[in-house]
Amino acid sequence: MIITPSSSVAGHRTLKTFGLVKGNTIRARHLGKDILAVFKNVVGGEIEEYTKMMAEAREQAIDRMIAEALKLG
């Protein structure tokens, strides 16, 4: 099974489409880290803790989409 956000994959023929899958996640950080992020927001720049949290959440959501796709087919 090839899992892709595209309707076609070069070099492969689509035999069956199973439909849309979703993967959601919500993350929360430690209050102390949130307070530090507020200070970082005031002076400007990247909030590295939030960037890391977003990347982790994205990876978990993708893992959940793959698991849901495998259940479908």
PDB file of N, CA and C in Angstrom:
ATOM      1  N   MET A   1       0.854  -1.169   0.000  1.00  0.00           N
ATOM      2  CA  MET A   1       0.000   0.000   0.000  1.00  0.00           C
ATOM      3  C   MET A   1       0.897   1.228   0.000  1.00  0.00           C
ATOM      4  N   ILE A   2       0.596   2.156  -0.889  1.00  0.00           N
ATOM      5  CA  ILE A   2       1.291   3.433  -0.930  1.00  0.00           C
ATOM      6  C   ILE A   2       0.353   4.477  -0.343  1.00  0.00           C
ATOM      7  N   ILE A   3       0.826   5.184   0.647  1.00  0.00           N
ATOM      8  CA  ILE A   3       0.025   6.224   1.289  1.00  0.00           C
ATOM      9  C   ILE A   3       0.562   7.565   0.816  1.00  0.00           C
ATOM     10  N   THR A   4      -0.303   8.345   0.169  1.00  0.00           N
ATOM     11  CA  THR A   4       0.136   9.610  -0.416  1.00  0.00           C
ATOM     12  C   THR A   4      -0.991  10.640  -0.396  1.00  0.00           C
ATOM     13  N   PRO A   5      -0.649  11.922  -0.326  1.00  0.00           N
ATOM     14  CA  PRO A   5      -1.674  12.962  -0.408  1.00  0.00           C
ATOM     15  C   PRO A   5      -2.063  13.263  -1.855  1.00  0.00           C
ATOM     16  N   SER A   6      -1.426  12.594  -2.798  1.00  0.00           N
ATOM     17  CA  SER A   6      -1.652  12.835  -4.221  1.00  0.00           C
ATOM     18  C   SER A   6      -2.637  11.819  -4.785  1.00  0.00           C
ATOM     19  N   SER A   7      -3.280  12.174  -5.886  1.00  0.00           N
ATOM     20  CA  SER A   7      -4.208  11.238  -6.521  1.00  0.00           C
ATOM     21  C   SER A   7      -3.478  10.247  -7.419  1.00  0.00           C
ATOM     22  N   SER A   8      -2.191  10.484  -7.685  1.00  0.00           N
ATOM     23  CA  SER A   8      -1.419   9.556  -8.504  1.00  0.00           C
ATOM     24  C   SER A   8       0.034   9.538  -8.034  1.00  0.00           C
ATOM     25  N   VAL A   9       0.702   8.423  -8.342  1.00  0.00           N
ATOM     26  CA  VAL A   9       2.112   8.265  -8.012  1.00  0.00           C
ATOM     27  C   VAL A   9       2.814   7.828  -9.293  1.00  0.00           C
ATOM     28  N   ALA A  10       3.834   8.564  -9.697  1.00  0.00           N
ATOM     29  CA  ALA A  10       4.555   8.253 -10.931  1.00  0.00           C
ATOM     30  C   ALA A  10       5.081   6.821 -10.900  1.00  0.00           C
ATOM     31  N   GLY A  11       4.849   6.103 -11.981  1.00  0.00           N
ATOM     32  CA  GLY A  11       5.340   4.738 -12.084  1.00  0.00           C
ATOM     33  C   GLY A  11       4.433   3.699 -11.458  1.00  0.00           C
ATOM     34  N   HIS A  12       3.300   4.120 -10.909  1.00  0.00           N
ATOM     35  CA  HIS A  12       2.362   3.184 -10.280  1.00  0.00           C
ATOM     36  C   HIS A  12       0.955   3.418 -10.821  1.00  0.00           C
ATOM     37  N   ARG A  13       0.173   2.368 -10.847  1.00  0.00           N
ATOM     38  CA  ARG A  13      -1.212   2.460 -11.276  1.00  0.00           C
ATOM     39  C   ARG A  13      -2.108   2.371 -10.045  1.00  0.00           C
ATOM     40  N   THR A  14      -3.064   3.270  -9.943  1.00  0.00           N
ATOM     41  CA  THR A  14      -3.988   3.265  -8.809  1.00  0.00           C
ATOM     42  C   THR A  14      -5.054   2.203  -9.043  1.00  0.00           C
ATOM     43  N   LEU A  15      -5.139   1.241  -8.144  1.00  0.00           N
ATOM     44  CA  LEU A  15      -6.141   0.188  -8.236  1.00  0.00           C
ATOM     45  C   LEU A  15      -7.375   0.519  -7.414  1.00  0.00           C
ATOM     46  N   LYS A  16      -7.155   1.161  -6.275  1.00  0.00           N
ATOM     47  CA  LYS A  16      -8.273   1.477  -5.399  1.00  0.00           C
ATOM     48  C   LYS A  16      -7.909   2.674  -4.542  1.00  0.00           C
ATOM     49  N   THR A  17      -8.877   3.563  -4.358  1.00  0.00           N
ATOM     50  CA  THR A  17      -8.711   4.703  -3.466  1.00  0.00           C
ATOM     51  C   THR A  17      -9.596   4.465  -2.254  1.00  0.00           C
ATOM     52  N   PHE A  18      -9.028   4.602  -1.079  1.00  0.00           N
ATOM     53  CA  PHE A  18      -9.778   4.332   0.145  1.00  0.00           C
ATOM     54  C   PHE A  18     -10.403   5.574   0.744  1.00  0.00           C
ATOM     55  N   GLY A  19      -9.997   6.740   0.316  1.00  0.00           N
ATOM     56  CA  GLY A  19     -10.602   7.975   0.802  1.00  0.00           C
ATOM     57  C   GLY A  19      -9.714   8.729   1.771  1.00  0.00           C
ATOM     58  N   LEU A  20     -10.325   9.689   2.392  1.00  0.00           N
ATOM     59  CA  LEU A  20      -9.629  10.612   3.280  1.00  0.00           C
ATOM     60  C   LEU A  20      -9.358   9.983   4.644  1.00  0.00           C
ATOM     61  N   VAL A  21      -8.169  10.215   5.137  1.00  0.00           N
ATOM     62  CA  VAL A  21      -7.845   9.845   6.512  1.00  0.00           C
ATOM     63  C   VAL A  21      -7.402  11.098   7.243  1.00  0.00           C
ATOM     64  N   LYS A  22      -7.565  11.094   8.552  1.00  0.00           N
ATOM     65  CA  LYS A  22      -7.217  12.257   9.365  1.00  0.00           C
ATOM     66  C   LYS A  22      -6.302  11.821  10.498  1.00  0.00           C
ATOM     67  N   GLY A  23      -5.478  12.741  10.923  1.00  0.00           N
ATOM     68  CA  GLY A  23      -4.635  12.506  12.090  1.00  0.00           C
ATOM     69  C   GLY A  23      -4.543  13.807  12.868  1.00  0.00           C
ATOM     70  N   ASN A  24      -5.114  13.845  14.039  1.00  0.00           N
ATOM     71  CA  ASN A  24      -5.143  15.071  14.839  1.00  0.00           C
ATOM     72  C   ASN A  24      -4.396  14.878  16.148  1.00  0.00           C
ATOM     73  N   THR A  25      -3.830  15.957  16.620  1.00  0.00           N
ATOM     74  CA  THR A  25      -3.175  15.936  17.922  1.00  0.00           C
ATOM     75  C   THR A  25      -3.143  17.352  18.478  1.00  0.00           C
ATOM     76  N   ILE A  26      -3.215  17.459  19.768  1.00  0.00           N
ATOM     77  CA  ILE A  26      -3.105  18.752  20.453  1.00  0.00           C
ATOM     78  C   ILE A  26      -2.038  18.588  21.520  1.00  0.00           C
ATOM     79  N   ARG A  27      -1.175  19.551  21.608  1.00  0.00           N
ATOM     80  CA  ARG A  27      -0.089  19.487  22.576  1.00  0.00           C
ATOM     81  C   ARG A  27      -0.175  20.650  23.548  1.00  0.00           C
ATOM     82  N   ALA A  28       0.316  20.425  24.749  1.00  0.00           N
ATOM     83  CA  ALA A  28       0.424  21.490  25.748  1.00  0.00           C
ATOM     84  C   ALA A  28       1.834  21.441  26.313  1.00  0.00           C
ATOM     85  N   ARG A  29       2.351  22.579  26.637  1.00  0.00           N
ATOM     86  CA  ARG A  29       3.683  22.673  27.216  1.00  0.00           C
ATOM     87  C   ARG A  29       3.581  23.018  28.691  1.00  0.00           C
ATOM     88  N   HIS A  30       4.680  22.899  29.356  1.00  0.00           N
ATOM     89  CA  HIS A  30       4.799  23.241  30.765  1.00  0.00           C
ATOM     90  C   HIS A  30       4.584  24.741  30.939  1.00  0.00           C
ATOM     91  N   LEU A  31       3.884  25.142  31.980  1.00  0.00           N
ATOM     92  CA  LEU A  31       3.577  26.553  32.225  1.00  0.00           C
ATOM     93  C   LEU A  31       4.833  27.414  32.232  1.00  0.00           C
ATOM     94  N   GLY A  32       5.893  26.931  32.836  1.00  0.00           N
ATOM     95  CA  GLY A  32       7.142  27.694  32.879  1.00  0.00           C
ATOM     96  C   GLY A  32       7.686  27.985  31.488  1.00  0.00           C
ATOM     97  N   LYS A  33       7.577  27.006  30.590  1.00  0.00           N
ATOM     98  CA  LYS A  33       8.046  27.202  29.221  1.00  0.00           C
ATOM     99  C   LYS A  33       7.149  28.185  28.482  1.00  0.00           C
ATOM    100  N   ASP A  34       5.849  28.164  28.790  1.00  0.00           N
ATOM    101  CA  ASP A  34       4.938  29.125  28.167  1.00  0.00           C
ATOM    102  C   ASP A  34       5.264  30.546  28.606  1.00  0.00           C
ATOM    103  N   ILE A  35       5.615  30.715  29.859  1.00  0.00           N
ATOM    104  CA  ILE A  35       5.984  32.049  30.357  1.00  0.00           C
ATOM    105  C   ILE A  35       7.245  32.538  29.645  1.00  0.00           C
ATOM    106  N   LEU A  36       8.229  31.654  29.471  1.00  0.00           N
ATOM    107  CA  LEU A  36       9.444  32.028  28.741  1.00  0.00           C
ATOM    108  C   LEU A  36       9.117  32.390  27.294  1.00  0.00           C
ATOM    109  N   ALA A  37       8.151  31.699  26.704  1.00  0.00           N
ATOM    110  CA  ALA A  37       7.754  31.995  25.329  1.00  0.00           C
ATOM    111  C   ALA A  37       7.133  33.379  25.224  1.00  0.00           C
ATOM    112  N   VAL A  38       6.387  33.794  26.238  1.00  0.00           N
ATOM    113  CA  VAL A  38       5.793  35.136  26.241  1.00  0.00           C
ATOM    114  C   VAL A  38       6.894  36.186  26.201  1.00  0.00           C
ATOM    115  N   PHE A  39       7.925  36.006  27.004  1.00  0.00           N
ATOM    116  CA  PHE A  39       9.041  36.953  26.994  1.00  0.00           C
ATOM    117  C   PHE A  39       9.740  36.958  25.639  1.00  0.00           C
ATOM    118  N   LYS A  40       9.913  35.803  25.048  1.00  0.00           N
ATOM    119  CA  LYS A  40      10.545  35.703  23.730  1.00  0.00           C
ATOM    120  C   LYS A  40       9.688  36.418  22.688  1.00  0.00           C
ATOM    121  N   ASN A  41       8.383  36.310  22.822  1.00  0.00           N
ATOM    122  CA  ASN A  41       7.461  36.957  21.894  1.00  0.00           C
ATOM    123  C   ASN A  41       7.583  38.477  21.969  1.00  0.00           C
ATOM    124  N   VAL A  42       7.819  39.008  23.151  1.00  0.00           N
ATOM    125  CA  VAL A  42       7.947  40.455  23.336  1.00  0.00           C
ATOM    126  C   VAL A  42       9.178  40.985  22.607  1.00  0.00           C
ATOM    127  N   VAL A  43      10.294  40.281  22.707  1.00  0.00           N
ATOM    128  CA  VAL A  43      11.533  40.753  22.084  1.00  0.00           C
ATOM    129  C   VAL A  43      11.666  40.298  20.638  1.00  0.00           C
ATOM    130  N   GLY A  44      10.859  39.370  20.217  1.00  0.00           N
ATOM    131  CA  GLY A  44      10.884  38.892  18.838  1.00  0.00           C
ATOM    132  C   GLY A  44      11.762  37.670  18.661  1.00  0.00           C
ATOM    133  N   GLY A  45      11.589  37.018  17.542  1.00  0.00           N
ATOM    134  CA  GLY A  45      12.388  35.839  17.231  1.00  0.00           C
ATOM    135  C   GLY A  45      11.584  34.559  17.310  1.00  0.00           C
ATOM    136  N   GLU A  46      12.238  33.490  16.919  1.00  0.00           N
ATOM    137  CA  GLU A  46      11.595  32.182  16.904  1.00  0.00           C
ATOM    138  C   GLU A  46      11.409  31.661  18.323  1.00  0.00           C
ATOM    139  N   ILE A  47      10.253  31.098  18.582  1.00  0.00           N
ATOM    140  CA  ILE A  47       9.988  30.438  19.858  1.00  0.00           C
ATOM    141  C   ILE A  47      10.284  28.956  19.631  1.00  0.00           C
ATOM    142  N   GLU A  48      11.511  28.573  19.938  1.00  0.00           N
ATOM    143  CA  GLU A  48      11.997  27.243  19.594  1.00  0.00           C
ATOM    144  C   GLU A  48      11.186  26.124  20.237  1.00  0.00           C
ATOM    145  N   GLU A  49      10.717  26.328  21.449  1.00  0.00           N
ATOM    146  CA  GLU A  49       9.901  25.304  22.110  1.00  0.00           C
ATOM    147  C   GLU A  49       8.619  25.043  21.325  1.00  0.00           C
ATOM    148  N   TYR A  50       7.999  26.086  20.812  1.00  0.00           N
ATOM    149  CA  TYR A  50       6.772  25.918  20.036  1.00  0.00           C
ATOM    150  C   TYR A  50       7.061  25.286  18.683  1.00  0.00           C
ATOM    151  N   THR A  51       8.191  25.637  18.080  1.00  0.00           N
ATOM    152  CA  THR A  51       8.576  25.029  16.811  1.00  0.00           C
ATOM    153  C   THR A  51       8.775  23.531  16.990  1.00  0.00           C
ATOM    154  N   LYS A  52       9.455  23.152  18.059  1.00  0.00           N
ATOM    155  CA  LYS A  52       9.678  21.733  18.354  1.00  0.00           C
ATOM    156  C   LYS A  52       8.346  21.027  18.626  1.00  0.00           C
ATOM    157  N   MET A  53       7.479  21.673  19.391  1.00  0.00           N
ATOM    158  CA  MET A  53       6.184  21.096  19.712  1.00  0.00           C
ATOM    159  C   MET A  53       5.355  20.895  18.441  1.00  0.00           C
ATOM    160  N   MET A  54       5.388  21.871  17.534  1.00  0.00           N
ATOM    161  CA  MET A  54       4.638  21.767  16.290  1.00  0.00           C
ATOM    162  C   MET A  54       5.166  20.611  15.434  1.00  0.00           C
ATOM    163  N   ALA A  55       6.478  20.457  15.354  1.00  0.00           N
ATOM    164  CA  ALA A  55       7.066  19.368  14.574  1.00  0.00           C
ATOM    165  C   ALA A  55       6.685  18.004  15.156  1.00  0.00           C
ATOM    166  N   GLU A  56       6.715  17.885  16.483  1.00  0.00           N
ATOM    167  CA  GLU A  56       6.332  16.628  17.132  1.00  0.00           C
ATOM    168  C   GLU A  56       4.858  16.324  16.889  1.00  0.00           C
ATOM    169  N   ALA A  57       4.013  17.342  16.974  1.00  0.00           N
ATOM    170  CA  ALA A  57       2.581  17.156  16.744  1.00  0.00           C
ATOM    171  C   ALA A  57       2.323  16.728  15.301  1.00  0.00           C
ATOM    172  N   ARG A  58       3.036  17.333  14.351  1.00  0.00           N
ATOM    173  CA  ARG A  58       2.874  16.973  12.941  1.00  0.00           C
ATOM    174  C   ARG A  58       3.256  15.512  12.717  1.00  0.00           C
ATOM    175  N   GLU A  59       4.372  15.080  13.286  1.00  0.00           N
ATOM    176  CA  GLU A  59       4.811  13.693  13.124  1.00  0.00           C
ATOM    177  C   GLU A  59       3.795  12.718  13.718  1.00  0.00           C
ATOM    178  N   GLN A  60       3.252  13.063  14.881  1.00  0.00           N
ATOM    179  CA  GLN A  60       2.258  12.191  15.500  1.00  0.00           C
ATOM    180  C   GLN A  60       0.989  12.141  14.654  1.00  0.00           C
ATOM    181  N   ALA A  61       0.580  13.271  14.095  1.00  0.00           N
ATOM    182  CA  ALA A  61      -0.608  13.302  13.241  1.00  0.00           C
ATOM    183  C   ALA A  61      -0.393  12.447  11.992  1.00  0.00           C
ATOM    184  N   ILE A  62       0.786  12.515  11.402  1.00  0.00           N
ATOM    185  CA  ILE A  62       1.089  11.693  10.226  1.00  0.00           C
ATOM    186  C   ILE A  62       1.055  10.214  10.596  1.00  0.00           C
ATOM    187  N   ASP A  63       1.623   9.855  11.736  1.00  0.00           N
ATOM    188  CA  ASP A  63       1.577   8.465  12.197  1.00  0.00           C
ATOM    189  C   ASP A  63       0.140   7.995  12.357  1.00  0.00           C
ATOM    190  N   ARG A  64      -0.716   8.855  12.869  1.00  0.00           N
ATOM    191  CA  ARG A  64      -2.126   8.492  13.053  1.00  0.00           C
ATOM    192  C   ARG A  64      -2.833   8.346  11.709  1.00  0.00           C
ATOM    193  N   MET A  65      -2.495   9.190  10.734  1.00  0.00           N
ATOM    194  CA  MET A  65      -3.089   9.061   9.402  1.00  0.00           C
ATOM    195  C   MET A  65      -2.674   7.746   8.751  1.00  0.00           C
ATOM    196  N   ILE A  66      -1.419   7.375   8.897  1.00  0.00           N
ATOM    197  CA  ILE A  66      -0.949   6.107   8.338  1.00  0.00           C
ATOM    198  C   ILE A  66      -1.677   4.940   8.991  1.00  0.00           C
ATOM    199  N   ALA A  67      -1.828   4.978  10.308  1.00  0.00           N
ATOM    200  CA  ALA A  67      -2.539   3.909  11.022  1.00  0.00           C
ATOM    201  C   ALA A  67      -3.985   3.814  10.550  1.00  0.00           C
ATOM    202  N   GLU A  68      -4.638   4.958  10.352  1.00  0.00           N
ATOM    203  CA  GLU A  68      -6.028   4.947   9.886  1.00  0.00           C
ATOM    204  C   GLU A  68      -6.108   4.410   8.461  1.00  0.00           C
ATOM    205  N   ALA A  69      -5.153   4.786   7.610  1.00  0.00           N
ATOM    206  CA  ALA A  69      -5.131   4.285   6.231  1.00  0.00           C
ATOM    207  C   ALA A  69      -4.950   2.771   6.206  1.00  0.00           C
ATOM    208  N   LEU A  70      -4.078   2.262   7.056  1.00  0.00           N
ATOM    209  CA  LEU A  70      -3.861   0.816   7.104  1.00  0.00           C
ATOM    210  C   LEU A  70      -5.113   0.079   7.568  1.00  0.00           C
ATOM    211  N   LYS A  71      -5.880   0.676   8.471  1.00  0.00           N
ATOM    212  CA  LYS A  71      -7.139   0.059   8.911  1.00  0.00           C
ATOM    213  C   LYS A  71      -8.140  -0.019   7.766  1.00  0.00           C
ATOM    214  N   LEU A  72      -8.135   0.991   6.891  1.00  0.00           N
ATOM    215  CA  LEU A  72      -9.078   1.022   5.775  1.00  0.00           C
ATOM    216  C   LEU A  72      -8.759  -0.019   4.708  1.00  0.00           C
ATOM    217  N   GLY A  73      -7.493  -0.350   4.573  1.00  0.00           N
ATOM    218  CA  GLY A  73      -7.213  -1.216   3.450  1.00  0.00           C
ATOM    219  C   GLY A  73      -6.111  -2.154   3.617  1.00  0.00           C
TER     220      GLY A  73
END
